[in-house]
Amino acid sequence: MIAKLYYDDKSTACRAVLLTVRALDLTLDLQEIDVLNKENLTPDFIKINPQHTIPVLVDEDLIICDSHAISGYLVAKYGSDSTLYPNDPRERALVDQRLHFDSNILLPRLRNLL
């Protein structure tokens, strides 16, 4: 079974996951969700993710609803080496710091502008 990725091209979080998919040369079943037309609020989507956020990865019986967790999972499961997500704790901490820059620094500031 090929994992499904629910995404919207307009979402920076989704694009980050798509970059990970591309770096790993993976083939996923891409399911575009148009957030502007509230496709993330349909009963079928809410069954998958009650938080109604994107991206969402469904890999067999596993559902992951966070771009950082999805990217880490994909690298751990499908990455043939550790260059994208190193095993060394110091190196991994620097990758995690950069991964979470958007959610901890950038997005809160962008929300304040709206």
Protein backbone atom coordinates (compact mmCIF):
# COMPACT_ATOMS: atom_id res chain seq x y z
CA MET A 1 0.00 0.00 0.00
CA ILE A 2 1.26 3.45 -0.88
CA ALA A 3 0.93 6.03 1.88
CA LYS A 4 -1.51 8.90 1.29
CA LEU A 5 -0.58 12.52 1.84
CA TYR A 6 -3.39 15.03 2.22
CA TYR A 7 -2.03 18.46 1.37
CA ASP A 8 -2.64 21.90 -0.12
CA ASP A 9 0.01 23.53 -2.29
CA LYS A 10 -0.70 26.88 -0.66
CA SER A 11 0.49 25.59 2.72
CA THR A 12 4.15 26.06 3.60
CA ALA A 13 3.95 23.10 5.97
CA CYS A 14 2.69 20.90 3.15
CA ARG A 15 5.39 22.13 0.81
CA ALA A 16 8.02 21.20 3.42
CA VAL A 17 6.69 17.64 3.46
CA LEU A 18 6.62 17.56 -0.34
CA LEU A 19 10.29 18.63 -0.36
CA THR A 20 11.08 15.72 1.96
CA VAL A 21 9.15 13.37 -0.33
CA ARG A 22 11.14 14.66 -3.30
CA ALA A 23 14.48 14.38 -1.48
CA LEU A 24 13.69 10.75 -0.65
CA ASP A 25 12.41 10.09 -4.18
CA LEU A 26 9.16 8.66 -2.81
CA THR A 27 5.89 8.03 -4.56
CA LEU A 28 2.88 8.85 -2.41
CA ASP A 29 -0.82 8.95 -3.18
CA LEU A 30 -1.28 12.73 -3.14
CA GLN A 31 -4.74 13.90 -2.11
CA GLU A 32 -5.12 17.65 -2.57
CA ILE A 33 -7.36 19.35 0.00
CA ASP A 34 -8.56 22.85 -0.88
CA VAL A 35 -8.59 24.63 2.46
CA LEU A 36 -9.97 27.84 0.96
CA ASN A 37 -13.04 25.87 -0.11
CA LYS A 38 -13.16 24.20 3.33
CA GLU A 39 -12.49 20.68 2.07
CA ASN A 40 -10.66 20.13 5.38
CA LEU A 41 -14.00 20.52 7.17
CA THR A 42 -15.85 17.72 5.39
CA PRO A 43 -17.03 14.81 7.53
CA ASP A 44 -14.77 12.38 5.63
CA PHE A 45 -11.66 14.48 6.26
CA ILE A 46 -12.54 15.10 9.91
CA LYS A 47 -12.73 11.31 10.39
CA ILE A 48 -9.09 11.18 9.30
CA ASN A 49 -7.99 14.26 11.25
CA PRO A 50 -10.38 15.73 13.86
CA GLN A 51 -8.08 18.78 14.08
CA HIS A 52 -8.91 19.39 10.37
CA THR A 53 -5.35 20.54 9.66
CA ILE A 54 -3.02 19.70 6.82
CA PRO A 55 -0.74 18.01 5.98
CA VAL A 56 -1.86 14.54 7.04
CA LEU A 57 -0.03 11.32 6.22
CA VAL A 58 -1.90 8.02 6.29
CA ASP A 59 0.47 5.04 6.12
CA GLU A 60 -1.51 1.83 6.61
CA ASP A 61 -3.10 2.26 10.08
CA LEU A 62 -0.84 5.17 11.13
CA ILE A 63 -2.12 8.75 10.83
CA ILE A 64 0.32 11.63 11.37
CA CYS A 65 -1.02 15.21 11.42
CA ASP A 66 2.07 17.41 11.75
CA SER A 67 4.53 18.37 9.01
CA HIS A 68 7.58 18.00 11.26
CA ALA A 69 6.51 14.57 12.47
CA ILE A 70 5.63 13.49 8.92
CA SER A 71 9.02 14.53 7.55
CA GLY A 72 10.88 12.82 10.40
CA TYR A 73 8.82 9.66 9.97
CA LEU A 74 9.37 9.52 6.21
CA VAL A 75 13.13 9.92 6.61
CA ALA A 76 13.28 7.30 9.38
CA LYS A 77 11.18 4.81 7.41
CA TYR A 78 12.35 5.38 3.84
CA GLY A 79 15.70 7.18 4.06
CA SER A 80 18.63 4.98 3.19
CA ASP A 81 21.06 7.18 5.10
CA SER A 82 20.93 9.74 7.87
CA THR A 83 21.98 12.85 5.94
CA LEU A 84 18.48 14.35 6.07
CA TYR A 85 17.91 13.54 9.74
CA PRO A 86 21.19 12.64 11.42
CA ASN A 87 21.54 10.10 14.22
CA ASP A 88 24.01 12.22 16.18
CA PRO A 89 22.01 14.08 18.90
CA ARG A 90 23.86 17.39 18.40
CA GLU A 91 23.37 17.36 14.64
CA ARG A 92 19.75 16.24 14.99
CA ALA A 93 19.07 19.08 17.46
CA LEU A 94 20.22 21.59 14.85
CA VAL A 95 17.97 20.00 12.22
CA ASP A 96 15.04 20.04 14.70
CA GLN A 97 15.73 23.69 15.50
CA ARG A 98 15.49 24.58 11.82
CA LEU A 99 12.46 22.34 11.27
CA HIS A 100 10.55 24.06 14.05
CA PHE A 101 11.56 27.61 13.13
CA ASP A 102 8.36 28.03 11.14
CA SER A 103 6.03 26.91 13.91
CA ASN A 104 7.85 28.58 16.80
CA ILE A 105 9.01 31.85 15.24
CA LEU A 106 7.66 32.51 11.78
CA LEU A 107 3.99 31.46 11.96
CA PRO A 108 3.19 33.24 15.26
CA ARG A 109 4.58 36.46 13.79
CA LEU A 110 2.62 35.99 10.58
CA ARG A 111 -0.58 35.41 12.57
CA ASN A 112 -0.03 38.71 14.37
CA LEU A 113 -0.03 40.48 11.02
CA LEU A 114 -3.50 39.22 10.18
